[in-house]
Structures are given as C-alpha cells and as structure tokens.
All heavy atoms as atom14 arrays in JSON, in Angstrom:
{
  "sequence": "RAAGIGFVMASFSAASVFGVPFGLYLATIYSWHAPFLLLGLLGV",
  "atom14_mask": [
    [1, 1, 1, 1, 1, 1, 1, 1, 1, 1, 1, 0, 0, 0],
    [1, 1, 1, 1, 1, 0, 0, 0, 0, 0, 0, 0, 0, 0],
    [1, 1, 1, 1, 1, 0, 0, 0, 0, 0, 0, 0, 0, 0],
    [1, 1, 1, 1, 0, 0, 0, 0, 0, 0, 0, 0, 0, 0],
    [1, 1, 1, 1, 1, 1, 1, 1, 0, 0, 0, 0, 0, 0],
    [1, 1, 1, 1, 0, 0, 0, 0, 0, 0, 0, 0, 0, 0],
    [1, 1, 1, 1, 1, 1, 1, 1, 1, 1, 1, 0, 0, 0],
    [1, 1, 1, 1, 1, 1, 1, 0, 0, 0, 0, 0, 0, 0],
    [1, 1, 1, 1, 1, 1, 1, 1, 0, 0, 0, 0, 0, 0],
    [1, 1, 1, 1, 1, 0, 0, 0, 0, 0, 0, 0, 0, 0],
    [1, 1, 1, 1, 1, 1, 0, 0, 0, 0, 0, 0, 0, 0],
    [1, 1, 1, 1, 1, 1, 1, 1, 1, 1, 1, 0, 0, 0],
    [1, 1, 1, 1, 1, 1, 0, 0, 0, 0, 0, 0, 0, 0],
    [1, 1, 1, 1, 1, 0, 0, 0, 0, 0, 0, 0, 0, 0],
    [1, 1, 1, 1, 1, 0, 0, 0, 0, 0, 0, 0, 0, 0],
    [1, 1, 1, 1, 1, 1, 0, 0, 0, 0, 0, 0, 0, 0],
    [1, 1, 1, 1, 1, 1, 1, 0, 0, 0, 0, 0, 0, 0],
    [1, 1, 1, 1, 1, 1, 1, 1, 1, 1, 1, 0, 0, 0],
    [1, 1, 1, 1, 0, 0, 0, 0, 0, 0, 0, 0, 0, 0],
    [1, 1, 1, 1, 1, 1, 1, 0, 0, 0, 0, 0, 0, 0],
    [1, 1, 1, 1, 1, 1, 1, 0, 0, 0, 0, 0, 0, 0],
    [1, 1, 1, 1, 1, 1, 1, 1, 1, 1, 1, 0, 0, 0],
    [1, 1, 1, 1, 0, 0, 0, 0, 0, 0, 0, 0, 0, 0],
    [1, 1, 1, 1, 1, 1, 1, 1, 0, 0, 0, 0, 0, 0],
    [1, 1, 1, 1, 1, 1, 1, 1, 1, 1, 1, 1, 0, 0],
    [1, 1, 1, 1, 1, 1, 1, 1, 0, 0, 0, 0, 0, 0],
    [1, 1, 1, 1, 1, 0, 0, 0, 0, 0, 0, 0, 0, 0],
    [1, 1, 1, 1, 1, 1, 1, 0, 0, 0, 0, 0, 0, 0],
    [1, 1, 1, 1, 1, 1, 1, 1, 0, 0, 0, 0, 0, 0],
    [1, 1, 1, 1, 1, 1, 1, 1, 1, 1, 1, 1, 0, 0],
    [1, 1, 1, 1, 1, 1, 0, 0, 0, 0, 0, 0, 0, 0],
    [1, 1, 1, 1, 1, 1, 1, 1, 1, 1, 1, 1, 1, 1],
    [1, 1, 1, 1, 1, 1, 1, 1, 1, 1, 0, 0, 0, 0],
    [1, 1, 1, 1, 1, 0, 0, 0, 0, 0, 0, 0, 0, 0],
    [1, 1, 1, 1, 1, 1, 1, 0, 0, 0, 0, 0, 0, 0],
    [1, 1, 1, 1, 1, 1, 1, 1, 1, 1, 1, 0, 0, 0],
    [1, 1, 1, 1, 1, 1, 1, 1, 0, 0, 0, 0, 0, 0],
    [1, 1, 1, 1, 1, 1, 1, 1, 0, 0, 0, 0, 0, 0],
    [1, 1, 1, 1, 1, 1, 1, 1, 0, 0, 0, 0, 0, 0],
    [1, 1, 1, 1, 0, 0, 0, 0, 0, 0, 0, 0, 0, 0],
    [1, 1, 1, 1, 1, 1, 1, 1, 0, 0, 0, 0, 0, 0],
    [1, 1, 1, 1, 1, 1, 1, 1, 0, 0, 0, 0, 0, 0],
    [1, 1, 1, 1, 0, 0, 0, 0, 0, 0, 0, 0, 0, 0],
    [1, 1, 1, 1, 1, 1, 1, 0, 0, 0, 0, 0, 0, 0]
  ],
  "atom14_positions": [
    [[-68.28, 71.47, -126.17], [-67.8, 72.23, -127.3], [-66.31, 72.03, -127.63], [-65.85, 71.97, -128.82], [-67.98, 73.8, -127.14], [-67.72, 74.68, -128.37], [-68.07, 76.07, -128.08], [-69.45, 76.25, -127.73], [-69.93, 77.31, -127.05], [-69.06, 78.24, -126.73], [-71.21, 77.4, -126.75], [0.0, 0.0, 0.0], [0.0, 0.0, 0.0], [0.0, 0.0, 0.0]],
    [[-65.45, 71.85, -126.54], [-64.1, 71.55, -126.8], [-63.88, 70.27, -127.54], [-63.0, 70.16, -128.44], [-63.33, 71.6, -125.4], [0.0, 0.0, 0.0], [0.0, 0.0, 0.0], [0.0, 0.0, 0.0], [0.0, 0.0, 0.0], [0.0, 0.0, 0.0], [0.0, 0.0, 0.0], [0.0, 0.0, 0.0], [0.0, 0.0, 0.0], [0.0, 0.0, 0.0]],
    [[-64.59, 69.24, -127.25], [-64.53, 68.04, -127.97], [-64.93, 68.24, -129.47], [-64.32, 67.59, -130.32], [-65.44, 66.92, -127.32], [0.0, 0.0, 0.0], [0.0, 0.0, 0.0], [0.0, 0.0, 0.0], [0.0, 0.0, 0.0], [0.0, 0.0, 0.0], [0.0, 0.0, 0.0], [0.0, 0.0, 0.0], [0.0, 0.0, 0.0], [0.0, 0.0, 0.0]],
    [[-66.01, 68.96, -129.69], [-66.49, 69.27, -131.08], [-65.42, 69.98, -131.87], [-65.09, 69.69, -133.01], [0.0, 0.0, 0.0], [0.0, 0.0, 0.0], [0.0, 0.0, 0.0], [0.0, 0.0, 0.0], [0.0, 0.0, 0.0], [0.0, 0.0, 0.0], [0.0, 0.0, 0.0], [0.0, 0.0, 0.0], [0.0, 0.0, 0.0], [0.0, 0.0, 0.0]],
    [[-64.82, 71.08, -131.14], [-63.76, 71.86, -131.87], [-62.55, 70.96, -132.07], [-61.81, 71.04, -133.05], [-63.43, 73.11, -130.95], [-64.57, 74.11, -131.12], [-62.1, 73.8, -131.48], [-64.39, 75.38, -130.26], [0.0, 0.0, 0.0], [0.0, 0.0, 0.0], [0.0, 0.0, 0.0], [0.0, 0.0, 0.0], [0.0, 0.0, 0.0], [0.0, 0.0, 0.0]],
    [[-62.29, 70.05, -131.11], [-61.1, 69.2, -131.21], [-61.22, 68.25, -132.4], [-60.31, 68.04, -133.19], [0.0, 0.0, 0.0], [0.0, 0.0, 0.0], [0.0, 0.0, 0.0], [0.0, 0.0, 0.0], [0.0, 0.0, 0.0], [0.0, 0.0, 0.0], [0.0, 0.0, 0.0], [0.0, 0.0, 0.0], [0.0, 0.0, 0.0], [0.0, 0.0, 0.0]],
    [[-62.51, 67.82, -132.64], [-62.8, 66.97, -133.76], [-62.55, 67.74, -135.1], [-61.87, 67.18, -136.05], [-64.17, 66.32, -133.68], [-64.44, 65.42, -134.84], [-64.23, 64.1, -134.92], [-65.18, 66.02, -136.04], [-64.63, 63.27, -135.89], [-65.5, 65.25, -137.07], [-65.2, 63.89, -137.09], [0.0, 0.0, 0.0], [0.0, 0.0, 0.0], [0.0, 0.0, 0.0]],
    [[-63.2, 68.87, -135.19], [-63.09, 69.75, -136.37], [-61.56, 70.04, -136.62], [-61.09, 70.09, -137.75], [-63.99, 70.89, -136.29], [-63.63, 71.88, -137.38], [-65.42, 70.52, -136.32], [0.0, 0.0, 0.0], [0.0, 0.0, 0.0], [0.0, 0.0, 0.0], [0.0, 0.0, 0.0], [0.0, 0.0, 0.0], [0.0, 0.0, 0.0], [0.0, 0.0, 0.0]],
    [[-60.98, 70.45, -135.55], [-59.5, 70.88, -135.78], [-58.52, 69.8, -135.87], [-57.31, 69.96, -136.19], [-59.1, 71.75, -134.55], [-59.9, 73.07, -134.53], [-59.28, 74.27, -133.36], [-57.68, 74.71, -134.0], [0.0, 0.0, 0.0], [0.0, 0.0, 0.0], [0.0, 0.0, 0.0], [0.0, 0.0, 0.0], [0.0, 0.0, 0.0], [0.0, 0.0, 0.0]],
    [[-59.11, 68.49, -135.82], [-58.19, 67.34, -136.25], [-57.98, 67.37, -137.75], [-57.02, 66.74, -138.26], [-58.97, 66.05, -135.96], [0.0, 0.0, 0.0], [0.0, 0.0, 0.0], [0.0, 0.0, 0.0], [0.0, 0.0, 0.0], [0.0, 0.0, 0.0], [0.0, 0.0, 0.0], [0.0, 0.0, 0.0], [0.0, 0.0, 0.0], [0.0, 0.0, 0.0]],
    [[-58.69, 68.31, -138.53], [-58.4, 68.55, -139.82], [-56.99, 69.07, -140.08], [-56.4, 68.9, -141.09], [-59.5, 69.48, -140.5], [-59.54, 70.66, -139.68], [0.0, 0.0, 0.0], [0.0, 0.0, 0.0], [0.0, 0.0, 0.0], [0.0, 0.0, 0.0], [0.0, 0.0, 0.0], [0.0, 0.0, 0.0], [0.0, 0.0, 0.0], [0.0, 0.0, 0.0]],
    [[-56.47, 69.82, -139.13], [-55.09, 70.2, -139.16], [-54.15, 68.93, -139.28], [-53.25, 68.89, -140.11], [-54.72, 71.03, -137.86], [-55.09, 72.4, -137.85], [-56.34, 72.75, -137.38], [-54.31, 73.38, -138.35], [-56.79, 74.05, -137.34], [-54.69, 74.72, -138.26], [-55.87, 75.02, -137.76], [0.0, 0.0, 0.0], [0.0, 0.0, 0.0], [0.0, 0.0, 0.0]],
    [[-54.47, 67.97, -138.43], [-53.74, 66.75, -138.42], [-53.88, 66.05, -139.75], [-52.97, 65.51, -140.35], [-54.08, 65.88, -137.29], [-54.06, 66.57, -136.09], [0.0, 0.0, 0.0], [0.0, 0.0, 0.0], [0.0, 0.0, 0.0], [0.0, 0.0, 0.0], [0.0, 0.0, 0.0], [0.0, 0.0, 0.0], [0.0, 0.0, 0.0], [0.0, 0.0, 0.0]],
    [[-55.09, 65.93, -140.19], [-55.41, 65.19, -141.45], [-54.71, 65.85, -142.61], [-54.17, 65.21, -143.57], [-56.95, 65.17, -141.74], [0.0, 0.0, 0.0], [0.0, 0.0, 0.0], [0.0, 0.0, 0.0], [0.0, 0.0, 0.0], [0.0, 0.0, 0.0], [0.0, 0.0, 0.0], [0.0, 0.0, 0.0], [0.0, 0.0, 0.0], [0.0, 0.0, 0.0]],
    [[-54.74, 67.23, -142.57], [-54.05, 67.92, -143.71], [-52.52, 67.7, -143.69], [-51.93, 67.55, -144.65], [-54.31, 69.51, -143.5], [0.0, 0.0, 0.0], [0.0, 0.0, 0.0], [0.0, 0.0, 0.0], [0.0, 0.0, 0.0], [0.0, 0.0, 0.0], [0.0, 0.0, 0.0], [0.0, 0.0, 0.0], [0.0, 0.0, 0.0], [0.0, 0.0, 0.0]],
    [[-52.0, 67.51, -142.43], [-50.59, 67.22, -142.28], [-50.24, 65.73, -142.74], [-49.3, 65.52, -143.41], [-50.09, 67.51, -140.92], [-50.37, 68.73, -140.48], [0.0, 0.0, 0.0], [0.0, 0.0, 0.0], [0.0, 0.0, 0.0], [0.0, 0.0, 0.0], [0.0, 0.0, 0.0], [0.0, 0.0, 0.0], [0.0, 0.0, 0.0], [0.0, 0.0, 0.0]],
    [[-51.1, 64.84, -142.28], [-50.88, 63.32, -142.54], [-51.14, 62.99, -143.97], [-50.41, 62.19, -144.56], [-51.63, 62.57, -141.52], [-51.96, 61.24, -142.08], [-50.83, 62.35, -140.3], [0.0, 0.0, 0.0], [0.0, 0.0, 0.0], [0.0, 0.0, 0.0], [0.0, 0.0, 0.0], [0.0, 0.0, 0.0], [0.0, 0.0, 0.0], [0.0, 0.0, 0.0]],
    [[-52.31, 63.4, -144.44], [-52.73, 62.95, -145.74], [-52.5, 64.1, -146.84], [-52.01, 63.87, -147.96], [-54.14, 62.53, -145.73], [-54.48, 61.5, -144.7], [-55.27, 61.79, -143.59], [-53.9, 60.18, -144.8], [-55.43, 60.77, -142.65], [-54.05, 59.23, -143.89], [-54.91, 59.49, -142.8], [0.0, 0.0, 0.0], [0.0, 0.0, 0.0], [0.0, 0.0, 0.0]],
    [[-53.0, 65.26, -146.5], [-52.99, 66.37, -147.55], [-51.65, 66.74, -147.99], [-51.31, 66.76, -149.18], [0.0, 0.0, 0.0], [0.0, 0.0, 0.0], [0.0, 0.0, 0.0], [0.0, 0.0, 0.0], [0.0, 0.0, 0.0], [0.0, 0.0, 0.0], [0.0, 0.0, 0.0], [0.0, 0.0, 0.0], [0.0, 0.0, 0.0], [0.0, 0.0, 0.0]],
    [[-50.8, 67.23, -147.04], [-49.51, 67.79, -147.41], [-48.56, 66.78, -148.01], [-48.01, 66.89, -149.03], [-48.82, 68.43, -146.19], [-47.4, 68.95, -146.53], [-49.69, 69.75, -145.8], [0.0, 0.0, 0.0], [0.0, 0.0, 0.0], [0.0, 0.0, 0.0], [0.0, 0.0, 0.0], [0.0, 0.0, 0.0], [0.0, 0.0, 0.0], [0.0, 0.0, 0.0]],
    [[-48.39, 65.54, -147.36], [-47.51, 64.62, -148.0], [-48.01, 64.14, -149.43], [-47.2, 64.07, -150.36], [-47.6, 63.39, -147.07], [-47.96, 63.96, -145.71], [-48.82, 65.07, -146.05], [0.0, 0.0, 0.0], [0.0, 0.0, 0.0], [0.0, 0.0, 0.0], [0.0, 0.0, 0.0], [0.0, 0.0, 0.0], [0.0, 0.0, 0.0], [0.0, 0.0, 0.0]],
    [[-49.31, 63.99, -149.61], [-49.83, 63.62, -150.95], [-49.65, 64.79, -151.9], [-49.31, 64.62, -153.12], [-51.34, 63.14, -150.83], [-51.88, 62.69, -152.15], [-51.32, 61.57, -152.7], [-52.95, 63.27, -152.79], [-51.76, 61.02, -153.96], [-53.42, 62.85, -154.02], [-52.81, 61.67, -154.57], [0.0, 0.0, 0.0], [0.0, 0.0, 0.0], [0.0, 0.0, 0.0]],
    [[-49.83, 66.04, -151.4], [-49.72, 67.22, -152.22], [-48.24, 67.28, -152.68], [-48.04, 67.58, -153.81], [0.0, 0.0, 0.0], [0.0, 0.0, 0.0], [0.0, 0.0, 0.0], [0.0, 0.0, 0.0], [0.0, 0.0, 0.0], [0.0, 0.0, 0.0], [0.0, 0.0, 0.0], [0.0, 0.0, 0.0], [0.0, 0.0, 0.0], [0.0, 0.0, 0.0]],
    [[-47.24, 67.07, -151.7], [-45.84, 67.11, -152.07], [-45.49, 66.0, -153.02], [-44.65, 66.24, -153.95], [-45.06, 67.01, -150.75], [-44.89, 68.27, -149.97], [-44.18, 67.88, -148.63], [-44.11, 69.32, -150.69], [0.0, 0.0, 0.0], [0.0, 0.0, 0.0], [0.0, 0.0, 0.0], [0.0, 0.0, 0.0], [0.0, 0.0, 0.0], [0.0, 0.0, 0.0]],
    [[-46.1, 64.87, -152.87], [-45.91, 63.78, -153.79], [-46.32, 64.14, -155.23], [-45.54, 63.95, -156.24], [-46.58, 62.53, -153.36], [-46.56, 61.35, -154.34], [-45.39, 60.62, -154.43], [-47.68, 61.08, -155.12], [-45.38, 59.51, -155.41], [-47.65, 60.01, -156.12], [-46.44, 59.23, -156.24], [-46.5, 58.25, -157.16], [0.0, 0.0, 0.0], [0.0, 0.0, 0.0]],
    [[-47.47, 64.75, -155.35], [-47.94, 65.2, -156.63], [-47.06, 66.24, -157.17], [-46.78, 66.3, -158.37], [-49.41, 65.76, -156.5], [-50.55, 64.73, -156.16], [-51.82, 65.4, -156.03], [-50.61, 63.7, -157.28], [0.0, 0.0, 0.0], [0.0, 0.0, 0.0], [0.0, 0.0, 0.0], [0.0, 0.0, 0.0], [0.0, 0.0, 0.0], [0.0, 0.0, 0.0]],
    [[-46.6, 67.22, -156.34], [-45.64, 68.27, -156.75], [-44.35, 67.61, -157.22], [-43.69, 68.22, -158.25], [-45.4, 69.19, -155.53], [0.0, 0.0, 0.0], [0.0, 0.0, 0.0], [0.0, 0.0, 0.0], [0.0, 0.0, 0.0], [0.0, 0.0, 0.0], [0.0, 0.0, 0.0], [0.0, 0.0, 0.0], [0.0, 0.0, 0.0], [0.0, 0.0, 0.0]],
    [[-43.85, 66.63, -156.58], [-42.61, 66.0, -157.01], [-42.71, 65.27, -158.35], [-41.88, 65.33, -159.27], [-42.07, 65.02, -155.9], [-41.99, 65.73, -154.73], [-40.82, 64.46, -156.31], [0.0, 0.0, 0.0], [0.0, 0.0, 0.0], [0.0, 0.0, 0.0], [0.0, 0.0, 0.0], [0.0, 0.0, 0.0], [0.0, 0.0, 0.0], [0.0, 0.0, 0.0]],
    [[-43.85, 64.55, -158.53], [-44.09, 63.77, -159.69], [-44.44, 64.63, -160.92], [-43.88, 64.48, -161.97], [-45.22, 62.7, -159.49], [-44.79, 61.74, -158.44], [-45.51, 61.94, -160.74], [-43.53, 60.98, -158.59], [0.0, 0.0, 0.0], [0.0, 0.0, 0.0], [0.0, 0.0, 0.0], [0.0, 0.0, 0.0], [0.0, 0.0, 0.0], [0.0, 0.0, 0.0]],
    [[-45.34, 65.6, -160.63], [-45.8, 66.45, -161.75], [-45.21, 67.92, -161.67], [-44.18, 68.23, -162.29], [-47.37, 66.54, -161.75], [-47.89, 65.18, -161.92], [-48.53, 64.48, -160.81], [-47.94, 64.53, -163.2], [-49.13, 63.26, -160.98], [-48.57, 63.37, -163.32], [-49.08, 62.68, -162.31], [-49.69, 61.38, -162.42], [0.0, 0.0, 0.0], [0.0, 0.0, 0.0]],
    [[-45.77, 68.82, -160.86], [-45.21, 70.15, -160.55], [-45.93, 70.66, -159.43], [-46.92, 70.07, -158.86], [-45.56, 70.97, -161.83], [-46.9, 71.34, -161.95], [0.0, 0.0, 0.0], [0.0, 0.0, 0.0], [0.0, 0.0, 0.0], [0.0, 0.0, 0.0], [0.0, 0.0, 0.0], [0.0, 0.0, 0.0], [0.0, 0.0, 0.0], [0.0, 0.0, 0.0]],
    [[-45.55, 71.91, -159.0], [-46.13, 72.49, -157.77], [-47.57, 72.85, -158.04], [-48.29, 73.13, -157.14], [-45.36, 73.77, -157.37], [-45.36, 74.81, -158.32], [-44.45, 75.1, -159.4], [-46.36, 75.9, -158.4], [-44.82, 76.17, -159.99], [-45.94, 76.69, -159.53], [-47.52, 76.21, -157.74], [-46.73, 77.89, -159.86], [-48.21, 77.27, -158.1], [-47.9, 78.12, -159.17]],
    [[-48.0, 72.97, -159.31], [-49.41, 73.26, -159.62], [-50.3, 72.19, -159.23], [-51.54, 72.53, -158.86], [-49.61, 73.45, -161.16], [-48.7, 74.52, -161.69], [-49.03, 75.92, -161.79], [-47.44, 74.48, -162.23], [-48.03, 76.58, -162.38], [-47.05, 75.71, -162.7], [0.0, 0.0, 0.0], [0.0, 0.0, 0.0], [0.0, 0.0, 0.0], [0.0, 0.0, 0.0]],
    [[-49.93, 70.91, -159.12], [-50.83, 69.77, -158.94], [-51.64, 69.76, -157.69], [-52.77, 69.5, -157.64], [-50.04, 68.52, -159.11], [0.0, 0.0, 0.0], [0.0, 0.0, 0.0], [0.0, 0.0, 0.0], [0.0, 0.0, 0.0], [0.0, 0.0, 0.0], [0.0, 0.0, 0.0], [0.0, 0.0, 0.0], [0.0, 0.0, 0.0], [0.0, 0.0, 0.0]],
    [[-50.96, 70.19, -156.48], [-51.81, 70.14, -155.2], [-52.96, 71.14, -155.25], [-53.96, 70.76, -154.69], [-50.65, 70.59, -154.21], [-49.35, 70.32, -154.83], [-49.53, 70.52, -156.23], [0.0, 0.0, 0.0], [0.0, 0.0, 0.0], [0.0, 0.0, 0.0], [0.0, 0.0, 0.0], [0.0, 0.0, 0.0], [0.0, 0.0, 0.0], [0.0, 0.0, 0.0]],
    [[-52.78, 72.27, -155.97], [-53.81, 73.21, -156.03], [-55.08, 72.65, -156.85], [-56.23, 72.96, -156.57], [-53.34, 74.58, -156.44], [-52.32, 75.19, -155.51], [-51.06, 75.17, -155.76], [-52.82, 75.73, -154.28], [-50.08, 75.61, -154.91], [-51.82, 76.22, -153.44], [-50.52, 76.2, -153.67], [0.0, 0.0, 0.0], [0.0, 0.0, 0.0], [0.0, 0.0, 0.0]],
    [[-54.66, 71.98, -157.89], [-55.76, 71.4, -158.68], [-56.48, 70.31, -157.93], [-57.76, 70.26, -158.08], [-55.14, 70.6, -159.98], [-54.62, 71.57, -161.06], [-53.85, 70.78, -162.12], [-55.91, 72.26, -161.71], [0.0, 0.0, 0.0], [0.0, 0.0, 0.0], [0.0, 0.0, 0.0], [0.0, 0.0, 0.0], [0.0, 0.0, 0.0], [0.0, 0.0, 0.0]],
    [[-55.76, 69.53, -157.15], [-56.48, 68.48, -156.2], [-57.42, 69.27, -155.25], [-58.54, 68.76, -155.13], [-55.39, 67.76, -155.49], [-55.91, 66.85, -154.37], [-56.72, 65.75, -154.96], [-54.77, 66.25, -153.47], [0.0, 0.0, 0.0], [0.0, 0.0, 0.0], [0.0, 0.0, 0.0], [0.0, 0.0, 0.0], [0.0, 0.0, 0.0], [0.0, 0.0, 0.0]],
    [[-56.95, 70.39, -154.62], [-57.8, 71.07, -153.69], [-59.0, 71.57, -154.39], [-60.08, 71.69, -153.77], [-56.97, 72.17, -153.02], [-56.01, 71.67, -152.01], [-55.01, 72.77, -151.6], [-56.76, 71.19, -150.69], [0.0, 0.0, 0.0], [0.0, 0.0, 0.0], [0.0, 0.0, 0.0], [0.0, 0.0, 0.0], [0.0, 0.0, 0.0], [0.0, 0.0, 0.0]],
    [[-58.83, 72.06, -155.58], [-60.02, 72.63, -156.29], [-61.08, 71.56, -156.51], [-62.33, 71.8, -156.35], [0.0, 0.0, 0.0], [0.0, 0.0, 0.0], [0.0, 0.0, 0.0], [0.0, 0.0, 0.0], [0.0, 0.0, 0.0], [0.0, 0.0, 0.0], [0.0, 0.0, 0.0], [0.0, 0.0, 0.0], [0.0, 0.0, 0.0], [0.0, 0.0, 0.0]],
    [[-60.68, 70.33, -156.9], [-61.59, 69.22, -157.11], [-62.34, 68.91, -155.79], [-63.52, 68.7, -155.75], [-60.82, 68.03, -157.66], [-61.69, 66.73, -157.86], [-62.84, 66.98, -158.86], [-60.79, 65.6, -158.26], [0.0, 0.0, 0.0], [0.0, 0.0, 0.0], [0.0, 0.0, 0.0], [0.0, 0.0, 0.0], [0.0, 0.0, 0.0], [0.0, 0.0, 0.0]],
    [[-61.49, 68.8, -154.64], [-62.2, 68.47, -153.35], [-63.07, 69.53, -153.0], [-64.13, 69.29, -152.4], [-61.03, 68.37, -152.31], [-60.14, 67.14, -152.45], [-58.97, 67.19, -151.36], [-60.94, 65.88, -152.19], [0.0, 0.0, 0.0], [0.0, 0.0, 0.0], [0.0, 0.0, 0.0], [0.0, 0.0, 0.0], [0.0, 0.0, 0.0], [0.0, 0.0, 0.0]],
    [[-62.8, 70.76, -153.3], [-63.63, 71.89, -152.99], [-65.02, 71.81, -153.62], [-66.05, 72.06, -153.01], [0.0, 0.0, 0.0], [0.0, 0.0, 0.0], [0.0, 0.0, 0.0], [0.0, 0.0, 0.0], [0.0, 0.0, 0.0], [0.0, 0.0, 0.0], [0.0, 0.0, 0.0], [0.0, 0.0, 0.0], [0.0, 0.0, 0.0], [0.0, 0.0, 0.0]],
    [[-65.03, 71.31, -154.88], [-66.32, 71.15, -155.59], [-67.1, 70.04, -154.9], [-68.38, 70.28, -154.64], [-66.01, 70.81, -157.13], [-67.44, 70.42, -157.79], [-65.43, 72.01, -157.79], [0.0, 0.0, 0.0], [0.0, 0.0, 0.0], [0.0, 0.0, 0.0], [0.0, 0.0, 0.0], [0.0, 0.0, 0.0], [0.0, 0.0, 0.0], [0.0, 0.0, 0.0]]
  ]
}
C-alpha cells in the first residue's frame, strides 16, 4: 500500500513540476484566470 500511495501522491510532485509552473506561465501571459480554465478542461 505504501508504494501505491507513493505513486498516487507523486501527483503532488507532478502538480509542482508541471501544473504550477505552467499555470503560472499562463497567468503571466494571460491572467490569473487562465490556470483555473485549464484545470476545468482537465477535469472534464
């Protein structure tokens, strides 16, 4: 179970490495609204 939880919780790292920097990039280029639009699309 720890290995399984470790894999799932690597999403923390993925959010830090890919999600947050890309979200900040979108916020810098467009506005702070953009990261939430991206998350909504991923959610669907």
